[in-house]
Amino acid sequence: MPIPPPPIVVGGETAAGARLAGRIGDGWSAFDDNFEAHLPVYLESLAASGRRREDQRVIVGFQGDWLSDESIADSPWVTAPTETWERWRAAGADGAIVLARTTADVDALVEAAERW
């Protein structure tokens, strides 16, 4: 086993997944459509397990219709990146994952980051 062991972030899309992450994970991730609903479950599980939120990494993911070929150019992560991040940070996220399907999506996100 590597020393130190790598952190394990549990992707929990259900209440059961959020509870599991709170018990055994070094963090938790969920998609934007269920993040806020399951965050209290995750936090309750952390507390019940005697674990501290400060020691965890909480990630919100944005994939949209991941099978689509639609551009993310109109995504709030592109049109208003700072405001979008502030909204999710206030909701309890430490970080975000935004799905980029194409080179144009990556370019749009890079341009948005430059406006940050």
PDB file of N, CA and C in Angstrom:
ATOM      1  N   MET A   1       0.845  -1.173   0.000  1.00  0.00           N
ATOM      2  CA  MET A   1       0.000   0.000   0.000  1.00  0.00           C
ATOM      3  C   MET A   1       0.889   1.234   0.000  1.00  0.00           C
ATOM      4  N   PRO A   2       0.532   2.233  -0.835  1.00  0.00           N
ATOM      5  CA  PRO A   2       1.336   3.452  -0.858  1.00  0.00           C
ATOM      6  C   PRO A   2       1.223   4.226   0.456  1.00  0.00           C
ATOM      7  N   ILE A   3       2.294   4.903   0.810  1.00  0.00           N
ATOM      8  CA  ILE A   3       2.315   5.730   2.020  1.00  0.00           C
ATOM      9  C   ILE A   3       2.541   7.175   1.582  1.00  0.00           C
ATOM     10  N   PRO A   4       1.676   8.097   1.863  1.00  0.00           N
ATOM     11  CA  PRO A   4       0.356   7.883   2.440  1.00  0.00           C
ATOM     12  C   PRO A   4      -0.588   7.300   1.391  1.00  0.00           C
ATOM     13  N   PRO A   5      -1.657   6.656   1.837  1.00  0.00           N
ATOM     14  CA  PRO A   5      -2.606   6.105   0.863  1.00  0.00           C
ATOM     15  C   PRO A   5      -3.305   7.235   0.111  1.00  0.00           C
ATOM     16  N   PRO A   6      -3.665   6.986  -1.137  1.00  0.00           N
ATOM     17  CA  PRO A   6      -4.338   8.041  -1.905  1.00  0.00           C
ATOM     18  C   PRO A   6      -5.724   8.314  -1.323  1.00  0.00           C
ATOM     19  N   PRO A   7      -6.172   9.572  -1.390  1.00  0.00           N
ATOM     20  CA  PRO A   7      -7.517   9.862  -0.916  1.00  0.00           C
ATOM     21  C   PRO A   7      -8.551   9.209  -1.839  1.00  0.00           C
ATOM     22  N   ILE A   8      -9.624   8.756  -1.253  1.00  0.00           N
ATOM     23  CA  ILE A   8     -10.713   8.135  -2.002  1.00  0.00           C
ATOM     24  C   ILE A   8     -11.930   9.043  -1.920  1.00  0.00           C
ATOM     25  N   VAL A   9     -12.355   9.562  -3.071  1.00  0.00           N
ATOM     26  CA  VAL A   9     -13.571  10.367  -3.151  1.00  0.00           C
ATOM     27  C   VAL A   9     -14.657   9.457  -3.703  1.00  0.00           C
ATOM     28  N   VAL A  10     -15.716   9.286  -2.924  1.00  0.00           N
ATOM     29  CA  VAL A  10     -16.811   8.391  -3.305  1.00  0.00           C
ATOM     30  C   VAL A  10     -17.837   9.174  -4.113  1.00  0.00           C
ATOM     31  N   GLY A  11     -18.147   8.695  -5.306  1.00  0.00           N
ATOM     32  CA  GLY A  11     -19.214   9.279  -6.116  1.00  0.00           C
ATOM     33  C   GLY A  11     -20.529   8.670  -5.677  1.00  0.00           C
ATOM     34  N   GLY A  12     -21.334   9.434  -4.996  1.00  0.00           N
ATOM     35  CA  GLY A  12     -22.589   8.924  -4.444  1.00  0.00           C
ATOM     36  C   GLY A  12     -23.779   9.662  -4.988  1.00  0.00           C
ATOM     37  N   GLU A  13     -24.442   9.091  -5.946  1.00  0.00           N
ATOM     38  CA  GLU A  13     -25.588   9.732  -6.586  1.00  0.00           C
ATOM     39  C   GLU A  13     -26.895   9.506  -5.835  1.00  0.00           C
ATOM     40  N   THR A  14     -26.858   8.710  -4.788  1.00  0.00           N
ATOM     41  CA  THR A  14     -28.053   8.403  -4.011  1.00  0.00           C
ATOM     42  C   THR A  14     -27.780   8.750  -2.551  1.00  0.00           C
ATOM     43  N   ALA A  15     -28.845   8.734  -1.750  1.00  0.00           N
ATOM     44  CA  ALA A  15     -28.659   8.959  -0.317  1.00  0.00           C
ATOM     45  C   ALA A  15     -27.745   7.879   0.271  1.00  0.00           C
ATOM     46  N   ALA A  16     -27.919   6.645  -0.181  1.00  0.00           N
ATOM     47  CA  ALA A  16     -27.063   5.559   0.308  1.00  0.00           C
ATOM     48  C   ALA A  16     -25.599   5.815  -0.051  1.00  0.00           C
ATOM     49  N   GLY A  17     -25.342   6.320  -1.243  1.00  0.00           N
ATOM     50  CA  GLY A  17     -23.980   6.646  -1.648  1.00  0.00           C
ATOM     51  C   GLY A  17     -23.394   7.779  -0.821  1.00  0.00           C
ATOM     52  N   ALA A  18     -24.217   8.767  -0.512  1.00  0.00           N
ATOM     53  CA  ALA A  18     -23.754   9.880   0.329  1.00  0.00           C
ATOM     54  C   ALA A  18     -23.425   9.381   1.736  1.00  0.00           C
ATOM     55  N   ARG A  19     -24.241   8.477   2.259  1.00  0.00           N
ATOM     56  CA  ARG A  19     -23.962   7.903   3.592  1.00  0.00           C
ATOM     57  C   ARG A  19     -22.664   7.102   3.574  1.00  0.00           C
ATOM     58  N   LEU A  20     -22.468   6.314   2.543  1.00  0.00           N
ATOM     59  CA  LEU A  20     -21.236   5.524   2.422  1.00  0.00           C
ATOM     60  C   LEU A  20     -20.016   6.441   2.362  1.00  0.00           C
ATOM     61  N   ALA A  21     -20.098   7.494   1.565  1.00  0.00           N
ATOM     62  CA  ALA A  21     -18.987   8.442   1.463  1.00  0.00           C
ATOM     63  C   ALA A  21     -18.685   9.055   2.817  1.00  0.00           C
ATOM     64  N   GLY A  22     -19.721   9.389   3.573  1.00  0.00           N
ATOM     65  CA  GLY A  22     -19.522   9.968   4.896  1.00  0.00           C
ATOM     66  C   GLY A  22     -18.859   9.013   5.867  1.00  0.00           C
ATOM     67  N   ARG A  23     -19.137   7.733   5.708  1.00  0.00           N
ATOM     68  CA  ARG A  23     -18.556   6.721   6.612  1.00  0.00           C
ATOM     69  C   ARG A  23     -17.126   6.363   6.257  1.00  0.00           C
ATOM     70  N   ILE A  24     -16.828   6.224   4.953  1.00  0.00           N
ATOM     71  CA  ILE A  24     -15.525   5.643   4.593  1.00  0.00           C
ATOM     72  C   ILE A  24     -14.678   6.494   3.650  1.00  0.00           C
ATOM     73  N   GLY A  25     -15.253   7.497   3.015  1.00  0.00           N
ATOM     74  CA  GLY A  25     -14.522   8.243   1.992  1.00  0.00           C
ATOM     75  C   GLY A  25     -13.680   9.373   2.558  1.00  0.00           C
ATOM     76  N   ASP A  26     -12.792   9.852   1.728  1.00  0.00           N
ATOM     77  CA  ASP A  26     -12.030  11.062   2.025  1.00  0.00           C
ATOM     78  C   ASP A  26     -12.704  12.261   1.377  1.00  0.00           C
ATOM     79  N   GLY A  27     -13.820  11.997   0.738  1.00  0.00           N
ATOM     80  CA  GLY A  27     -14.596  13.026   0.088  1.00  0.00           C
ATOM     81  C   GLY A  27     -15.799  12.418  -0.579  1.00  0.00           C
ATOM     82  N   TRP A  28     -16.599  13.289  -1.163  1.00  0.00           N
ATOM     83  CA  TRP A  28     -17.841  12.870  -1.807  1.00  0.00           C
ATOM     84  C   TRP A  28     -18.062  13.710  -3.045  1.00  0.00           C
ATOM     85  N   SER A  29     -18.615  13.092  -4.082  1.00  0.00           N
ATOM     86  CA  SER A  29     -18.996  13.840  -5.270  1.00  0.00           C
ATOM     87  C   SER A  29     -20.393  13.433  -5.695  1.00  0.00           C
ATOM     88  N   ALA A  30     -21.103  14.394  -6.248  1.00  0.00           N
ATOM     89  CA  ALA A  30     -22.440  14.161  -6.785  1.00  0.00           C
ATOM     90  C   ALA A  30     -22.665  15.150  -7.912  1.00  0.00           C
ATOM     91  N   PHE A  31     -23.625  14.843  -8.760  1.00  0.00           N
ATOM     92  CA  PHE A  31     -23.955  15.758  -9.844  1.00  0.00           C
ATOM     93  C   PHE A  31     -24.851  16.876  -9.345  1.00  0.00           C
ATOM     94  N   ASP A  32     -24.873  17.942 -10.107  1.00  0.00           N
ATOM     95  CA  ASP A  32     -25.606  19.153  -9.729  1.00  0.00           C
ATOM     96  C   ASP A  32     -27.089  18.900  -9.471  1.00  0.00           C
ATOM     97  N   ASP A  33     -27.691  17.916 -10.121  1.00  0.00           N
ATOM     98  CA  ASP A  33     -29.124  17.706  -9.949  1.00  0.00           C
ATOM     99  C   ASP A  33     -29.486  17.024  -8.632  1.00  0.00           C
ATOM    100  N   ASN A  34     -28.509  16.485  -7.902  1.00  0.00           N
ATOM    101  CA  ASN A  34     -28.832  15.872  -6.606  1.00  0.00           C
ATOM    102  C   ASN A  34     -27.872  16.273  -5.484  1.00  0.00           C
ATOM    103  N   PHE A  35     -26.916  17.122  -5.787  1.00  0.00           N
ATOM    104  CA  PHE A  35     -25.921  17.540  -4.806  1.00  0.00           C
ATOM    105  C   PHE A  35     -26.568  18.141  -3.558  1.00  0.00           C
ATOM    106  N   GLU A  36     -27.407  19.131  -3.743  1.00  0.00           N
ATOM    107  CA  GLU A  36     -27.988  19.838  -2.596  1.00  0.00           C
ATOM    108  C   GLU A  36     -28.936  18.953  -1.797  1.00  0.00           C
ATOM    109  N   ALA A  37     -29.617  18.044  -2.451  1.00  0.00           N
ATOM    110  CA  ALA A  37     -30.531  17.148  -1.739  1.00  0.00           C
ATOM    111  C   ALA A  37     -29.778  16.156  -0.866  1.00  0.00           C
ATOM    112  N   HIS A  38     -28.604  15.706  -1.335  1.00  0.00           N
ATOM    113  CA  HIS A  38     -27.877  14.662  -0.607  1.00  0.00           C
ATOM    114  C   HIS A  38     -26.751  15.182   0.275  1.00  0.00           C
ATOM    115  N   LEU A  39     -26.386  16.453   0.145  1.00  0.00           N
ATOM    116  CA  LEU A  39     -25.339  16.996   1.003  1.00  0.00           C
ATOM    117  C   LEU A  39     -25.673  16.855   2.491  1.00  0.00           C
ATOM    118  N   PRO A  40     -26.895  17.148   2.943  1.00  0.00           N
ATOM    119  CA  PRO A  40     -27.194  16.960   4.371  1.00  0.00           C
ATOM    120  C   PRO A  40     -27.027  15.505   4.818  1.00  0.00           C
ATOM    121  N   VAL A  41     -27.360  14.561   3.957  1.00  0.00           N
ATOM    122  CA  VAL A  41     -27.181  13.138   4.281  1.00  0.00           C
ATOM    123  C   VAL A  41     -25.698  12.832   4.464  1.00  0.00           C
ATOM    124  N   TYR A  42     -24.888  13.354   3.557  1.00  0.00           N
ATOM    125  CA  TYR A  42     -23.437  13.165   3.646  1.00  0.00           C
ATOM    126  C   TYR A  42     -22.894  13.761   4.940  1.00  0.00           C
ATOM    127  N   LEU A  43     -23.283  14.986   5.254  1.00  0.00           N
ATOM    128  CA  LEU A  43     -22.787  15.659   6.457  1.00  0.00           C
ATOM    129  C   LEU A  43     -23.242  14.942   7.727  1.00  0.00           C
ATOM    130  N   GLU A  44     -24.463  14.443   7.751  1.00  0.00           N
ATOM    131  CA  GLU A  44     -24.955  13.677   8.902  1.00  0.00           C
ATOM    132  C   GLU A  44     -24.155  12.393   9.076  1.00  0.00           C
ATOM    133  N   SER A  45     -23.838  11.739   7.962  1.00  0.00           N
ATOM    134  CA  SER A  45     -23.051  10.510   8.022  1.00  0.00           C
ATOM    135  C   SER A  45     -21.636  10.790   8.526  1.00  0.00           C
ATOM    136  N   LEU A  46     -21.052  11.886   8.075  1.00  0.00           N
ATOM    137  CA  LEU A  46     -19.731  12.265   8.586  1.00  0.00           C
ATOM    138  C   LEU A  46     -19.773  12.434  10.101  1.00  0.00           C
ATOM    139  N   ALA A  47     -20.738  13.222  10.570  1.00  0.00           N
ATOM    140  CA  ALA A  47     -20.845  13.495  12.007  1.00  0.00           C
ATOM    141  C   ALA A  47     -21.078  12.206  12.795  1.00  0.00           C
ATOM    142  N   ALA A  48     -21.959  11.354  12.299  1.00  0.00           N
ATOM    143  CA  ALA A  48     -22.260  10.099  12.994  1.00  0.00           C
ATOM    144  C   ALA A  48     -21.045   9.180  13.052  1.00  0.00           C
ATOM    145  N   SER A  49     -20.144   9.334  12.100  1.00  0.00           N
ATOM    146  CA  SER A  49     -18.925   8.518  12.054  1.00  0.00           C
ATOM    147  C   SER A  49     -17.765   9.174  12.791  1.00  0.00           C
ATOM    148  N   GLY A  50     -18.019  10.338  13.392  1.00  0.00           N
ATOM    149  CA  GLY A  50     -16.963  11.025  14.125  1.00  0.00           C
ATOM    150  C   GLY A  50     -15.913  11.643  13.225  1.00  0.00           C
ATOM    151  N   ARG A  51     -16.318  11.990  12.005  1.00  0.00           N
ATOM    152  CA  ARG A  51     -15.375  12.542  11.036  1.00  0.00           C
ATOM    153  C   ARG A  51     -15.660  14.016  10.825  1.00  0.00           C
ATOM    154  N   ARG A  52     -14.631  14.769  10.401  1.00  0.00           N
ATOM    155  CA  ARG A  52     -14.755  16.214  10.256  1.00  0.00           C
ATOM    156  C   ARG A  52     -14.906  16.618   8.787  1.00  0.00           C
ATOM    157  N   ARG A  53     -15.813  17.538   8.537  1.00  0.00           N
ATOM    158  CA  ARG A  53     -16.015  18.067   7.183  1.00  0.00           C
ATOM    159  C   ARG A  53     -14.729  18.718   6.673  1.00  0.00           C
ATOM    160  N   GLU A  54     -13.992  19.349   7.545  1.00  0.00           N
ATOM    161  CA  GLU A  54     -12.761  20.037   7.157  1.00  0.00           C
ATOM    162  C   GLU A  54     -11.714  19.097   6.565  1.00  0.00           C
ATOM    163  N   ASP A  55     -11.824  17.811   6.850  1.00  0.00           N
ATOM    164  CA  ASP A  55     -10.864  16.830   6.349  1.00  0.00           C
ATOM    165  C   ASP A  55     -11.304  16.184   5.037  1.00  0.00           C
ATOM    166  N   GLN A  56     -12.403  16.645   4.493  1.00  0.00           N
ATOM    167  CA  GLN A  56     -13.005  16.030   3.315  1.00  0.00           C
ATOM    168  C   GLN A  56     -12.888  16.930   2.089  1.00  0.00           C
ATOM    169  N   ARG A  57     -13.083  16.342   0.927  1.00  0.00           N
ATOM    170  CA  ARG A  57     -13.135  17.073  -0.348  1.00  0.00           C
ATOM    171  C   ARG A  57     -14.501  16.792  -0.963  1.00  0.00           C
ATOM    172  N   VAL A  58     -15.291  17.844  -1.181  1.00  0.00           N
ATOM    173  CA  VAL A  58     -16.646  17.708  -1.703  1.00  0.00           C
ATOM    174  C   VAL A  58     -16.689  18.335  -3.099  1.00  0.00           C
ATOM    175  N   ILE A  59     -17.102  17.532  -4.079  1.00  0.00           N
ATOM    176  CA  ILE A  59     -17.060  17.926  -5.483  1.00  0.00           C
ATOM    177  C   ILE A  59     -18.459  17.847  -6.089  1.00  0.00           C
ATOM    178  N   VAL A  60     -18.820  18.871  -6.853  1.00  0.00           N
ATOM    179  CA  VAL A  60     -20.077  18.845  -7.608  1.00  0.00           C
ATOM    180  C   VAL A  60     -19.721  18.696  -9.085  1.00  0.00           C
ATOM    181  N   GLY A  61     -20.431  17.806  -9.761  1.00  0.00           N
ATOM    182  CA  GLY A  61     -20.150  17.532 -11.167  1.00  0.00           C
ATOM    183  C   GLY A  61     -21.254  18.033 -12.081  1.00  0.00           C
ATOM    184  N   PHE A  62     -20.848  18.492 -13.248  1.00  0.00           N
ATOM    185  CA  PHE A  62     -21.772  18.999 -14.258  1.00  0.00           C
ATOM    186  C   PHE A  62     -21.500  18.272 -15.556  1.00  0.00           C
ATOM    187  N   GLN A  63     -22.436  17.409 -15.941  1.00  0.00           N
ATOM    188  CA  GLN A  63     -22.231  16.677 -17.185  1.00  0.00           C
ATOM    189  C   GLN A  63     -23.288  16.991 -18.216  1.00  0.00           C
ATOM    190  N   GLY A  64     -24.402  17.599 -17.810  1.00  0.00           N
ATOM    191  CA  GLY A  64     -25.466  17.858 -18.766  1.00  0.00           C
ATOM    192  C   GLY A  64     -25.895  16.567 -19.421  1.00  0.00           C
ATOM    193  N   ASP A  65     -26.288  16.639 -20.654  1.00  0.00           N
ATOM    194  CA  ASP A  65     -26.623  15.438 -21.423  1.00  0.00           C
ATOM    195  C   ASP A  65     -25.323  14.926 -22.038  1.00  0.00           C
ATOM    196  N   TRP A  66     -24.644  14.057 -21.313  1.00  0.00           N
ATOM    197  CA  TRP A  66     -23.288  13.668 -21.706  1.00  0.00           C
ATOM    198  C   TRP A  66     -23.225  12.888 -23.007  1.00  0.00           C
ATOM    199  N   LEU A  67     -24.359  12.393 -23.480  1.00  0.00           N
ATOM    200  CA  LEU A  67     -24.373  11.702 -24.773  1.00  0.00           C
ATOM    201  C   LEU A  67     -24.611  12.669 -25.933  1.00  0.00           C
ATOM    202  N   SER A  68     -24.935  13.890 -25.610  1.00  0.00           N
ATOM    203  CA  SER A  68     -25.239  14.900 -26.619  1.00  0.00           C
ATOM    204  C   SER A  68     -23.954  15.429 -27.231  1.00  0.00           C
ATOM    205  N   ASP A  69     -24.088  16.048 -28.397  1.00  0.00           N
ATOM    206  CA  ASP A  69     -22.938  16.735 -28.973  1.00  0.00           C
ATOM    207  C   ASP A  69     -23.128  18.248 -28.884  1.00  0.00           C
ATOM    208  N   GLU A  70     -24.059  18.676 -28.034  1.00  0.00           N
ATOM    209  CA  GLU A  70     -24.336  20.093 -27.843  1.00  0.00           C
ATOM    210  C   GLU A  70     -23.174  20.780 -27.141  1.00  0.00           C
ATOM    211  N   SER A  71     -22.834  21.957 -27.604  1.00  0.00           N
ATOM    212  CA  SER A  71     -21.748  22.747 -27.030  1.00  0.00           C
ATOM    213  C   SER A  71     -22.126  23.236 -25.631  1.00  0.00           C
ATOM    214  N   ILE A  72     -21.112  23.473 -24.807  1.00  0.00           N
ATOM    215  CA  ILE A  72     -21.374  24.055 -23.487  1.00  0.00           C
ATOM    216  C   ILE A  72     -21.195  25.571 -23.499  1.00  0.00           C
ATOM    217  N   ALA A  73     -21.147  26.171 -24.681  1.00  0.00           N
ATOM    218  CA  ALA A  73     -20.906  27.609 -24.791  1.00  0.00           C
ATOM    219  C   ALA A  73     -21.935  28.435 -24.020  1.00  0.00           C
ATOM    220  N   ASP A  74     -23.160  27.949 -23.888  1.00  0.00           N
ATOM    221  CA  ASP A  74     -24.188  28.679 -23.147  1.00  0.00           C
ATOM    222  C   ASP A  74     -24.265  28.266 -21.681  1.00  0.00           C
ATOM    223  N   SER A  75     -23.381  27.389 -21.256  1.00  0.00           N
ATOM    224  CA  SER A  75     -23.354  26.942 -19.863  1.00  0.00           C
ATOM    225  C   SER A  75     -22.995  28.104 -18.952  1.00  0.00           C
ATOM    226  N   PRO A  76     -23.574  28.148 -17.755  1.00  0.00           N
ATOM    227  CA  PRO A  76     -23.159  29.187 -16.817  1.00  0.00           C
ATOM    228  C   PRO A  76     -21.676  29.108 -16.465  1.00  0.00           C
ATOM    229  N   TRP A  77     -21.067  27.940 -16.614  1.00  0.00           N
ATOM    230  CA  TRP A  77     -19.628  27.821 -16.351  1.00  0.00           C
ATOM    231  C   TRP A  77     -18.816  28.580 -17.392  1.00  0.00           C
ATOM    232  N   VAL A  78     -19.430  28.846 -18.552  1.00  0.00           N
ATOM    233  CA  VAL A  78     -18.765  29.619 -19.600  1.00  0.00           C
ATOM    234  C   VAL A  78     -19.232  31.069 -19.568  1.00  0.00           C
ATOM    235  N   THR A  79     -20.523  31.289 -19.407  1.00  0.00           N
ATOM    236  CA  THR A  79     -21.051  32.652 -19.478  1.00  0.00           C
ATOM    237  C   THR A  79     -20.838  33.454 -18.199  1.00  0.00           C
ATOM    238  N   ALA A  80     -20.829  32.793 -17.053  1.00  0.00           N
ATOM    239  CA  ALA A  80     -20.664  33.492 -15.767  1.00  0.00           C
ATOM    240  C   ALA A  80     -19.899  32.594 -14.799  1.00  0.00           C
ATOM    241  N   PRO A  81     -18.635  32.292 -15.098  1.00  0.00           N
ATOM    242  CA  PRO A  81     -17.907  31.300 -14.301  1.00  0.00           C
ATOM    243  C   PRO A  81     -17.726  31.684 -12.834  1.00  0.00           C
ATOM    244  N   THR A  82     -17.409  32.911 -12.553  1.00  0.00           N
ATOM    245  CA  THR A  82     -17.183  33.317 -11.164  1.00  0.00           C
ATOM    246  C   THR A  82     -18.464  33.222 -10.357  1.00  0.00           C
ATOM    247  N   GLU A  83     -19.540  33.739 -10.905  1.00  0.00           N
ATOM    248  CA  GLU A  83     -20.818  33.693 -10.209  1.00  0.00           C
ATOM    249  C   GLU A  83     -21.300  32.252 -10.023  1.00  0.00           C
ATOM    250  N   THR A  84     -21.083  31.436 -11.040  1.00  0.00           N
ATOM    251  CA  THR A  84     -21.500  30.033 -10.958  1.00  0.00           C
ATOM    252  C   THR A  84     -20.707  29.324  -9.861  1.00  0.00           C
ATOM    253  N   TRP A  85     -19.386  29.548  -9.832  1.00  0.00           N
ATOM    254  CA  TRP A  85     -18.586  28.934  -8.778  1.00  0.00           C
ATOM    255  C   TRP A  85     -19.027  29.433  -7.410  1.00  0.00           C
ATOM    256  N   GLU A  86     -19.242  30.719  -7.246  1.00  0.00           N
ATOM    257  CA  GLU A  86     -19.662  31.262  -5.947  1.00  0.00           C
ATOM    258  C   GLU A  86     -20.961  30.625  -5.481  1.00  0.00           C
ATOM    259  N   ARG A  87     -21.886  30.393  -6.399  1.00  0.00           N
ATOM    260  CA  ARG A  87     -23.156  29.760  -6.047  1.00  0.00           C
ATOM    261  C   ARG A  87     -22.932  28.349  -5.493  1.00  0.00           C
ATOM    262  N   TRP A  88     -22.093  27.558  -6.178  1.00  0.00           N
ATOM    263  CA  TRP A  88     -21.864  26.177  -5.735  1.00  0.00           C
ATOM    264  C   TRP A  88     -20.966  26.111  -4.507  1.00  0.00           C
ATOM    265  N   ARG A  89     -20.047  27.031  -4.367  1.00  0.00           N
ATOM    266  CA  ARG A  89     -19.224  27.084  -3.151  1.00  0.00           C
ATOM    267  C   ARG A  89     -20.111  27.378  -1.949  1.00  0.00           C
ATOM    268  N   ALA A  90     -21.041  28.325  -2.114  1.00  0.00           N
ATOM    269  CA  ALA A  90     -21.979  28.647  -1.035  1.00  0.00           C
ATOM    270  C   ALA A  90     -22.880  27.454  -0.712  1.00  0.00           C
ATOM    271  N   ALA A  91     -23.133  26.606  -1.692  1.00  0.00           N
ATOM    272  CA  ALA A  91     -23.965  25.419  -1.475  1.00  0.00           C
ATOM    273  C   ALA A  91     -23.204  24.309  -0.766  1.00  0.00           C
ATOM    274  N   GLY A  92     -21.852  24.424  -0.676  1.00  0.00           N
ATOM    275  CA  GLY A  92     -21.071  23.437   0.054  1.00  0.00           C
ATOM    276  C   GLY A  92     -19.997  22.712  -0.722  1.00  0.00           C
ATOM    277  N   ALA A  93     -19.770  23.068  -1.977  1.00  0.00           N
ATOM    278  CA  ALA A  93     -18.758  22.377  -2.785  1.00  0.00           C
ATOM    279  C   ALA A  93     -17.370  22.970  -2.564  1.00  0.00           C
ATOM    280  N   ASP A  94     -16.361  22.101  -2.614  1.00  0.00           N
ATOM    281  CA  ASP A  94     -14.959  22.519  -2.573  1.00  0.00           C
ATOM    282  C   ASP A  94     -14.374  22.602  -3.976  1.00  0.00           C
ATOM    283  N   GLY A  95     -15.013  21.959  -4.926  1.00  0.00           N
ATOM    284  CA  GLY A  95     -14.522  21.938  -6.287  1.00  0.00           C
ATOM    285  C   GLY A  95     -15.625  21.503  -7.227  1.00  0.00           C
ATOM    286  N   ALA A  96     -15.350  21.633  -8.519  1.00  0.00           N
ATOM    287  CA  ALA A  96     -16.334  21.267  -9.537  1.00  0.00           C
ATOM    288  C   ALA A  96     -15.648  20.526 -10.675  1.00  0.00           C
ATOM    289  N   ILE A  97     -16.408  19.650 -11.291  1.00  0.00           N
ATOM    290  CA  ILE A  97     -15.978  18.968 -12.509  1.00  0.00           C
ATOM    291  C   ILE A  97     -16.985  19.339 -13.583  1.00  0.00           C
ATOM    292  N   VAL A  98     -16.488  19.879 -14.692  1.00  0.00           N
ATOM    293  CA  VAL A  98     -17.354  20.275 -15.797  1.00  0.00           C
ATOM    294  C   VAL A  98     -16.970  19.436 -17.014  1.00  0.00           C
ATOM    295  N   LEU A  99     -17.938  18.708 -17.555  1.00  0.00           N
ATOM    296  CA  LEU A  99     -17.678  17.845 -18.699  1.00  0.00           C
ATOM    297  C   LEU A  99     -17.501  18.672 -19.967  1.00  0.00           C
ATOM    298  N   ALA A 100     -16.382  18.486 -20.615  1.00  0.00           N
ATOM    299  CA  ALA A 100     -16.107  19.103 -21.913  1.00  0.00           C
ATOM    300  C   ALA A 100     -16.034  17.971 -22.926  1.00  0.00           C
ATOM    301  N   ARG A 101     -16.914  18.007 -23.904  1.00  0.00           N
ATOM    302  CA  ARG A 101     -17.000  16.917 -24.883  1.00  0.00           C
ATOM    303  C   ARG A 101     -16.108  17.126 -26.103  1.00  0.00           C
ATOM    304  N   THR A 102     -15.825  18.382 -26.416  1.00  0.00           N
ATOM    305  CA  THR A 102     -15.115  18.688 -27.655  1.00  0.00           C
ATOM    306  C   THR A 102     -13.980  19.676 -27.380  1.00  0.00           C
ATOM    307  N   THR A 103     -13.140  19.850 -28.373  1.00  0.00           N
ATOM    308  CA  THR A 103     -12.084  20.854 -28.273  1.00  0.00           C
ATOM    309  C   THR A 103     -12.688  22.240 -28.124  1.00  0.00           C
ATOM    310  N   ALA A 104     -13.798  22.506 -28.794  1.00  0.00           N
ATOM    311  CA  ALA A 104     -14.465  23.810 -28.667  1.00  0.00           C
ATOM    312  C   ALA A 104     -14.944  24.024 -27.230  1.00  0.00           C
ATOM    313  N   ASP A 105     -15.425  22.965 -26.574  1.00  0.00           N
ATOM    314  CA  ASP A 105     -15.828  23.076 -25.171  1.00  0.00           C
ATOM    315  C   ASP A 105     -14.630  23.424 -24.295  1.00  0.00           C
ATOM    316  N   VAL A 106     -13.517  22.766 -24.529  1.00  0.00           N
ATOM    317  CA  VAL A 106     -12.301  23.052 -23.760  1.00  0.00           C
ATOM    318  C   VAL A 106     -11.876  24.498 -23.987  1.00  0.00           C
ATOM    319  N   ASP A 107     -11.887  24.935 -25.232  1.00  0.00           N
ATOM    320  CA  ASP A 107     -11.518  26.320 -25.540  1.00  0.00           C
ATOM    321  C   ASP A 107     -12.443  27.301 -24.833  1.00  0.00           C
ATOM    322  N   ALA A 108     -13.744  27.017 -24.805  1.00  0.00           N
ATOM    323  CA  ALA A 108     -14.706  27.900 -24.134  1.00  0.00           C
ATOM    324  C   ALA A 108     -14.428  27.957 -22.637  1.00  0.00           C
ATOM    325  N   LEU A 109     -14.087  26.828 -22.034  1.00  0.00           N
ATOM    326  CA  LEU A 109     -13.776  26.814 -20.602  1.00  0.00           C
ATOM    327  C   LEU A 109     -12.472  27.542 -20.307  1.00  0.00           C
ATOM    328  N   VAL A 110     -11.489  27.399 -21.163  1.00  0.00           N
ATOM    329  CA  VAL A 110     -10.215  28.114 -20.979  1.00  0.00           C
ATOM    330  C   VAL A 110     -10.459  29.611 -21.065  1.00  0.00           C
ATOM    331  N   GLU A 111     -11.245  30.045 -22.038  1.00  0.00           N
ATOM    332  CA  GLU A 111     -11.562  31.464 -22.180  1.00  0.00           C
ATOM    333  C   GLU A 111     -12.321  31.975 -20.956  1.00  0.00           C
ATOM    334  N   ALA A 112     -13.246  31.159 -20.444  1.00  0.00           N
ATOM    335  CA  ALA A 112     -13.995  31.542 -19.243  1.00  0.00           C
ATOM    336  C   ALA A 112     -13.058  31.666 -18.042  1.00  0.00           C
ATOM    337  N   ALA A 113     -12.113  30.747 -17.928  1.00  0.00           N
ATOM    338  CA  ALA A 113     -11.152  30.797 -16.817  1.00  0.00           C
ATOM    339  C   ALA A 113     -10.284  32.047 -16.910  1.00  0.00           C
ATOM    340  N   GLU A 114      -9.977  32.478 -18.101  1.00  0.00           N
ATOM    341  CA  GLU A 114      -9.180  33.698 -18.279  1.00  0.00           C
ATOM    342  C   GLU A 114      -9.943  34.939 -17.834  1.00  0.00           C
ATOM    343  N   ARG A 115     -11.289  34.887 -17.863  1.00  0.00           N
ATOM    344  CA  ARG A 115     -12.117  36.009 -17.402  1.00  0.00           C
ATOM    345  C   ARG A 115     -12.381  35.949 -15.907  1.00  0.00           C
ATOM    346  N   TRP A 116     -11.950  34.911 -15.239  1.00  0.00           N
ATOM    347  CA  TRP A 116     -12.251  34.682 -13.824  1.00  0.00           C
ATOM    348  C   TRP A 116     -11.826  35.840 -12.976  1.00  0.00           C
TER     349      TRP A 116
END
